[in-house]
């Protein structure tokens, strides 16, 4: 079987992890653009992407939109793993529509973390009918993570608030080298329910990003992990 052609945007921890895992998952990394080669998307072109079928982007919040936009302008579908840029999401949506391109964004590429989001949505709906119960979220990440709260915590908070009908507080902790822990805590007068997702290795995010990349090829539009998980065979 001929390897699929992948471009990677970003040479930080996640970019390197994707590059290490990609060959094991049947990808040929035909381009890997780091900060030196690509300042704010200016290094991304049809030529530099070298025939990639899809790109995976893990950089920094200030560069994510420029990188994704450059990929779309070059006719290359893009999976965006960077978090903390979501106030610019509508700009990306408009570009995808205008160029008839394809992009996939997620606050978290772990299937387990996205299951937690679905459970949060269900919990919020049920809590609305349970007086005396309240909820909050605690997220813990490595000391180098720049955005707080995490993108996953923001999505969890929104899912819970949609059902609950009120705002949900989030506590962020930055310490050590923790890949990621998200806790949804439901507290009542005499009891507490805790739902926790623990990422034990960054490879879980790289695995999900590569699954999203494979799923995105041949599609048109702006997608999320919810689309992939609800697609028949999408998470395989």
Protein backbone atom coordinates (compact mmCIF):
# COMPACT_ATOMS: atom_id res chain seq x y z
CA UNK A 1 0.00 0.00 0.00
CA UNK A 2 1.37 3.41 -1.01
CA UNK A 3 1.92 5.65 2.06
CA UNK A 4 -0.32 8.69 2.30
CA UNK A 5 1.43 12.05 2.04
CA UNK A 6 1.44 14.26 5.12
CA UNK A 7 2.75 17.74 5.91
CA UNK A 8 3.42 18.77 9.50
CA UNK A 9 3.33 22.41 10.54
CA UNK A 10 5.20 22.98 13.82
CA UNK A 11 8.35 21.52 15.33
CA UNK A 12 7.45 21.67 19.02
CA UNK A 13 6.68 18.67 21.23
CA UNK A 14 3.46 17.77 19.45
CA UNK A 15 4.83 18.34 15.97
CA UNK A 16 7.73 16.02 16.72
CA UNK A 17 5.40 13.42 18.26
CA UNK A 18 3.21 13.43 15.14
CA UNK A 19 6.33 13.06 12.97
CA UNK A 20 7.49 10.05 15.00
CA UNK A 21 4.12 8.29 14.92
CA UNK A 22 3.12 9.06 11.33
CA UNK A 23 5.23 6.37 9.57
CA UNK A 24 3.81 3.73 11.93
CA UNK A 25 0.33 4.75 10.78
CA UNK A 26 1.06 4.59 7.06
CA UNK A 27 2.02 8.21 6.41
CA UNK A 28 4.97 9.58 4.46
CA UNK A 29 5.97 12.95 5.96
CA UNK A 30 6.76 14.91 2.79
CA UNK A 31 7.12 18.30 4.52
CA UNK A 32 7.84 19.38 8.09
CA UNK A 33 7.85 23.15 8.54
CA UNK A 34 9.13 24.56 11.82
CA UNK A 35 9.41 28.11 13.11
CA UNK A 36 12.55 28.82 11.08
CA UNK A 37 10.93 27.84 7.77
CA UNK A 38 7.47 29.22 8.48
CA UNK A 39 6.90 32.53 10.25
CA UNK A 40 3.14 33.12 10.68
CA UNK A 41 2.20 30.99 7.70
CA UNK A 42 4.48 32.77 5.23
CA UNK A 43 6.45 29.59 4.55
CA UNK A 44 3.38 27.58 3.52
CA UNK A 45 2.74 27.19 -0.21
CA UNK A 46 1.89 24.49 -2.73
CA UNK A 47 5.62 24.09 -3.29
CA UNK A 48 6.64 23.82 0.37
CA UNK A 49 3.81 21.37 1.12
CA UNK A 50 5.34 19.13 -1.55
CA UNK A 51 2.20 17.34 -2.69
CA UNK A 52 0.83 16.62 0.79
CA UNK A 53 -2.73 15.27 0.85
CA UNK A 54 -3.33 16.89 4.23
CA UNK A 55 -1.45 18.93 6.83
CA UNK A 56 -1.41 18.62 10.62
CA UNK A 57 -0.75 21.89 12.48
CA UNK A 58 0.54 22.13 16.07
CA UNK A 59 2.11 25.54 16.76
CA UNK A 60 1.11 28.48 18.98
CA UNK A 61 -2.21 30.35 19.31
CA UNK A 62 -0.96 33.48 17.54
CA UNK A 63 0.08 31.53 14.44
CA UNK A 64 -2.70 28.94 14.11
CA UNK A 65 -5.11 30.94 11.95
CA UNK A 66 -2.36 32.14 9.60
CA UNK A 67 -1.04 28.60 9.19
CA UNK A 68 -4.47 27.10 8.60
CA UNK A 69 -5.41 29.86 6.16
CA UNK A 70 -2.20 29.37 4.18
CA UNK A 71 -2.88 25.64 3.90
CA UNK A 72 -6.41 26.26 2.64
CA UNK A 73 -5.18 28.87 0.14
CA UNK A 74 -2.67 26.27 -1.09
CA UNK A 75 -5.49 23.75 -1.58
CA UNK A 76 -4.36 21.48 1.26
CA UNK A 77 -6.83 20.23 3.90
CA UNK A 78 -5.57 21.01 7.40
CA UNK A 79 -6.01 19.51 10.87
CA UNK A 80 -5.47 22.18 13.54
CA UNK A 81 -4.19 20.89 16.86
CA UNK A 82 -3.19 24.25 18.31
CA UNK A 83 -5.51 25.54 21.04
CA UNK A 84 -6.23 29.04 22.35
CA UNK A 85 -7.13 30.69 19.01
CA UNK A 86 -10.87 30.04 18.96
CA UNK A 87 -11.94 33.70 18.96
CA UNK A 88 -10.85 33.59 15.28
CA UNK A 89 -12.84 30.47 14.43
CA UNK A 90 -15.48 32.35 12.42
CA UNK A 91 -12.75 33.84 10.22
CA UNK A 92 -11.56 30.33 9.42
CA UNK A 93 -15.12 29.15 8.79
CA UNK A 94 -15.65 31.95 6.26
CA UNK A 95 -12.40 31.12 4.45
CA UNK A 96 -13.23 27.41 4.28
CA UNK A 97 -16.61 28.29 2.78
CA UNK A 98 -15.17 30.81 0.33
CA UNK A 99 -12.38 28.52 -0.90
CA UNK A 100 -14.42 25.33 -0.63
CA UNK A 101 -11.63 23.94 1.47
CA UNK A 102 -11.40 21.50 4.35
CA UNK A 103 -10.29 22.05 7.92
CA UNK A 104 -10.62 20.07 11.14
CA UNK A 105 -10.14 21.62 14.58
CA UNK A 106 -10.30 20.12 18.04
CA UNK A 107 -9.50 21.25 21.54
CA UNK A 108 -8.42 17.68 22.24
CA UNK A 109 -7.79 14.80 19.82
CA UNK A 110 -8.16 12.07 22.44
CA UNK A 111 -11.24 9.90 21.92
CA UNK A 112 -11.55 9.49 25.69
CA UNK A 113 -11.51 13.24 26.30
CA UNK A 114 -14.21 13.71 23.68
CA UNK A 115 -16.28 11.01 25.37
CA UNK A 116 -15.95 13.07 28.57
CA UNK A 117 -17.38 16.08 26.69
CA UNK A 118 -20.43 14.04 25.68
CA UNK A 119 -20.85 12.85 29.28
CA UNK A 120 -20.60 16.47 30.46
CA UNK A 121 -23.40 17.47 28.11
CA UNK A 122 -25.61 14.67 29.46
CA UNK A 123 -24.67 15.47 33.07
CA UNK A 124 -25.62 19.12 32.61
CA UNK A 125 -29.07 18.20 31.33
CA UNK A 126 -29.71 15.87 34.27
CA UNK A 127 -28.32 18.29 36.86
CA UNK A 128 -30.87 20.91 35.86
CA UNK A 129 -33.51 18.76 37.61
CA UNK A 130 -31.38 18.11 40.73
CA UNK A 131 -31.61 21.02 43.21
CA UNK A 132 -28.67 21.28 45.57
CA UNK A 133 -26.11 19.94 43.11
CA UNK A 134 -23.46 22.07 41.46
CA UNK A 135 -20.56 21.42 39.11
CA UNK A 136 -17.06 22.65 38.39
CA UNK A 137 -14.06 21.66 36.27
CA UNK A 138 -10.39 21.32 37.21
CA UNK A 139 -7.75 20.99 34.49
CA UNK A 140 -4.04 20.32 35.04
CA UNK A 141 -1.27 20.60 32.43
CA UNK A 142 2.50 20.93 32.18
CA UNK A 143 4.10 24.20 33.22
CA UNK A 144 4.92 25.18 29.62
CA UNK A 145 1.31 25.18 28.39
CA UNK A 146 0.53 28.77 27.44
CA UNK A 147 -3.27 28.93 27.34
CA UNK A 148 -5.45 28.67 30.44
CA UNK A 149 -8.05 27.37 30.75
CA UNK A 150 -7.20 24.66 28.25
CA UNK A 151 -9.18 24.33 25.04
CA UNK A 152 -10.62 21.06 26.33
CA UNK A 153 -11.77 22.72 29.55
CA UNK A 154 -13.50 25.45 27.55
CA UNK A 155 -15.35 22.85 25.47
CA UNK A 156 -16.24 20.87 28.62
CA UNK A 157 -17.50 24.03 30.32
CA UNK A 158 -19.71 24.89 27.33
CA UNK A 159 -21.10 21.36 27.06
CA UNK A 160 -21.95 21.31 30.76
CA UNK A 161 -23.37 24.85 30.74
CA UNK A 162 -25.57 24.10 27.71
CA UNK A 163 -27.42 21.45 29.68
CA UNK A 164 -27.21 23.11 33.08
CA UNK A 165 -28.37 26.53 31.96
CA UNK A 166 -25.75 28.46 33.92
CA UNK A 167 -22.03 29.19 33.95
CA UNK A 168 -19.59 26.58 35.24
CA UNK A 169 -16.34 27.59 37.00
CA UNK A 170 -12.98 26.23 35.79
CA UNK A 171 -9.77 25.95 37.80
CA UNK A 172 -6.48 25.72 35.87
CA UNK A 173 -3.25 24.27 37.27
CA UNK A 174 0.12 24.46 35.48
CA UNK A 175 2.82 22.26 36.98
CA UNK A 176 5.56 19.79 36.08
CA UNK A 177 5.26 17.82 32.85
CA UNK A 178 1.63 16.62 33.06
CA UNK A 179 0.30 15.90 29.51
CA UNK A 180 -3.26 16.64 30.60
CA UNK A 181 -5.85 15.88 33.29
CA UNK A 182 -9.47 17.05 33.13
CA UNK A 183 -11.86 16.53 36.03
CA UNK A 184 -15.60 17.16 36.01
CA UNK A 185 -16.83 17.35 39.60
CA UNK A 186 -20.51 17.30 40.54
CA UNK A 187 -21.04 18.19 44.17
CA UNK A 188 -24.16 17.66 46.30
CA UNK A 189 -24.91 18.26 49.99
CA UNK A 190 -23.70 14.80 51.05
CA UNK A 191 -21.93 13.32 48.02
CA UNK A 192 -19.69 14.01 45.06
CA UNK A 193 -19.40 12.49 41.59
CA UNK A 194 -16.07 12.80 39.75
CA UNK A 195 -15.45 12.07 36.06
CA UNK A 196 -11.77 12.23 35.12
CA UNK A 197 -9.79 11.90 31.92
CA UNK A 198 -6.02 11.43 32.22
CA UNK A 199 -3.74 11.63 29.18
CA UNK A 200 -0.74 9.43 30.00
CA UNK A 201 1.25 10.20 26.86
CA UNK A 202 1.25 12.85 24.12
CA UNK A 203 0.93 10.07 21.56
CA UNK A 204 -2.79 9.92 22.31
CA UNK A 205 -3.17 13.40 20.79
CA UNK A 206 -0.93 12.56 17.82
CA UNK A 207 -2.93 9.36 17.22
CA UNK A 208 -6.17 11.32 17.16
CA UNK A 209 -4.75 14.03 14.90
CA UNK A 210 -3.61 11.42 12.37
CA UNK A 211 -7.01 9.73 12.51
CA UNK A 212 -8.60 13.12 11.83
CA UNK A 213 -6.19 13.70 8.93
CA UNK A 214 -7.13 10.39 7.31
CA UNK A 215 -10.84 11.13 7.81
CA UNK A 216 -10.58 14.68 6.39
CA UNK A 217 -9.06 13.72 3.02
CA UNK A 218 -11.74 14.00 0.34
CA UNK A 219 -14.13 16.04 2.48
CA UNK A 220 -15.12 19.70 2.24
CA UNK A 221 -16.08 21.94 5.15
CA UNK A 222 -15.11 22.69 8.74
CA UNK A 223 -15.22 19.71 11.10
CA UNK A 224 -14.61 18.72 14.73
CA UNK A 225 -14.04 15.52 16.69
CA UNK A 226 -17.79 15.25 17.17
CA UNK A 227 -18.18 14.84 13.40
CA UNK A 228 -15.49 12.16 13.29
CA UNK A 229 -16.87 10.23 16.26
CA UNK A 230 -20.41 10.26 14.84
CA UNK A 231 -19.26 9.13 11.40
CA UNK A 232 -19.63 5.36 10.77
CA UNK A 233 -16.21 3.86 11.41
CA UNK A 234 -14.81 7.34 11.89
CA UNK A 235 -12.74 6.65 15.00
CA UNK A 236 -11.23 3.41 13.69
